[in-house]
Structures are given as C-alpha cells and as structure tokens.
Amino acid sequence: MNPRLSPSVSVVPLGAGVVEFFKTNTRQQVRLRTPDDTILHIVNGLDGTKDASEIATEHGATSQSVARLLSYLERNGILDNVEPSSDFDAYEVFRRPVSFLQDFSTSHEHLVRMWDALRSARIVVVGLGAVGSWVACCLVQTGVRRLVLVDPDVVELSNLHRQLGYRTSDVGRPKVDALSDALMRYRPDLDIERCPVELSEGSLERIEGGVDLVINCADKPTVDQTSKWVGGYCMPRGIPHIVGGGYNLHLSLIGQTVIPGRTACVRCFERQLERDNEIDPTRVKKLQVPNRKVGSLGPLCALNASMVAMEAVKVLTGCTDPANANRRGEFDITTMAVSYTAYERLDDCDWCGEHGKYSGQGR
C-alpha cells in the first residue's frame, strides 16, 4: 500500500527545523529535527496516492532517504497502518477502536496482530454485579468476542440502578442469562459461555479450554478472598488477572493487574496491605459487620469498570504496559481525585517469590 499519514496525527512545524507529530488518540508527541522543509512537504503530501519512488522523484530526494523516513514514521505510529481495512474482522463496526490501537502500532501487520488478539481472546468475568456487568459491556463494545460469565445470582430489583444490561423484566432471572441476552442483542456473533456457579476455591477448574484473562468482580465473601481464589486458579496457569475493585466509604477501589512471573501477585499485595494496616492505625480497617449494606452509585461503578476494561485491552493486545501492575488506586468522589499506592513484588512471597509455589510461572 502507498504511504498515508494517519488521520489521527497532526503535523505541527515548531520552527528551528523541528516538526512535531501529535497523536490525538494518545496525546503522544514525536519530534523530528530536519535541515529544511523537504520532510515537512513530504509528510503533508502523504495521501496514499504515490509510492516511495514517486515521492522521491517529486521532492528531488533519493529513494534511500525517503525509505528511511517512511520506515521511521511507520515505526512510530505516524503512518496510517489500517489499510487494507479488510484485514480487520468486523472493521465497519469497530473502526474507531482499530483507529485507537493504530497509534500504538509499528506496522500494518502489528496492528492486525493486536486486533486479532483482542477478537480471539477468551476472557472470564467473575461476578456480574455493579462492576462486572459494566466490565462485560465495555469489553464487548471494544471488540472482545469471547466471554465466560460467572455468577450464581439472579437479577434483583435493587440491582437495576447500578448494574448494566438488566431490565425490570429480568428480575428473578439468572444474571448469566440476562446479561448474555443483553450482550447478544448488541452483537449476535458473540461467543458467550454461561457459568451460574458461586466462586469458591477450585470452582474455576470447571472452565475447560484456554483462558487469556480473568477479571475478578466478585465480592462474596470479600474481594480479598475472591481475589485469592482467582489468583490460585490463574497463577499456576500463567493467566493474567485483574482485581475489578469496588465501592466503599466514598472511595472507589481501582484494583491491581497481575501478570504471573512479572508483577506482584495477590499474595504480595495481601502481605503488604496487612503490614500497612499494622503500622498505620489511622487507616480505615475492615468492618466485620454481618449483612452490612453500603450505598452505591452507578457512575462510580461505570468509572471503575472503564478503567478495568482499559487495562484488559492493554494486557490482551500488548499495545502498552498495564498501568495498574504493582499498584492499586482509590477514586475519591468528594474530590474527584485518584490516589495510587505502589506495592512491590516480594522476593520471599510464598506464591511468586524465588521459592514460592508458583515461581517460574508466566507467559
């Protein structure tokens, strides 16, 4: 294909021979120092109608110099790597997500690989409540096609104000059925497996076949406990997993992303959180109150889920490193600020440490 400037890139001459390429999707900047305006004229003329040799002839440049320039622009995601668009599954539906990923691509082939990875990935979403239902919907709207939905509950009337995909007519239906039907109305070509079981130690073993990512949005009996069960399933298999977070005391927890063999695991976080609570008595501790019910808002659930889904896209496509590896955050509704706390991977962790039971696991 003839070279074309990416439609999401703005070309800005800064003076003194410097040209800036601004990627509007990701707000990244790439700057190039040039001896004259030749490169600026070449770049502004990249409309896909001329090949490299024609460009060299038009601007009195050598074929080698034009080839080097085009290679540089391609590696830095400045050229349009979409064409031919027929290489992308369901492109007419998902052209905007493909365009977003383009800013992270180094070639057309690289962009196709990222998109194919997203479309073919099999993702397990555990817990289809205030966060999990939104996560599943966000993933499908991003282009994910294969989901395993895990939740034993039925839809209740009190769910509807914060959980996406459920209607009044769904009250009493299993959540896995109601949400699957809602997602299929959006994209009939989805491959959804329904698993109406309660999460417990070993319960995910019943899922057959390969899994590329597990997202834990279950909170019974606690998020900490369900995260350990999910981690116990994922770590020996080298499966990345994300803690979906939750809402409590006007703070929305933005959970961690775990890449087995590369980042801090659930046990690393658990040990360091226990330590922090011991040395800082002013921090909020767990409130062990039976049947405790706290307030919740749909917008907070959606915010959490959006961050989780974005992390999932990063993990599945490799477009960039997940931001929440080795950290977790809290969104404060009163200030609209997000604060993050870093946690390190522990060398002596009994799960992922040098002598841990899952050491050496990873992809």
Foldseek 3Di string as FASTA:
>chain_A
DAWAFQPQWDWDDPDPQKIWIARNLVRDIDIDGDPDCLVVVLRVPRHRPDHLVVSCVVSVHDSVVSVVVSLVCLQQLGIPQCPVVVLAPPCVLQVPLLSSLSNLHNHNVLSSLLRVLLQPAEEEEADQALQSQLLVVVSVSSRHAHYEYEAQDFDDPVRPQRGPQDDPVRGPPQPQVSSVVSSCVVPVRHHYHYHNDDDDAPPCVPDDDDHAEYEYPDQVVHLLRSLVSVLVVCLLQQHKYWYLFQDDPQKTKQTAIDGHQPFAGSQLVVVVVVVVCVVDVVDDDDDPDPPDDDDDHNVSSNVSSVLVNVLVSCSRSVSDHRPRGQKMWIQHPVVRDIDMDGTGHDLPRLDDHPPHPSDPRHD
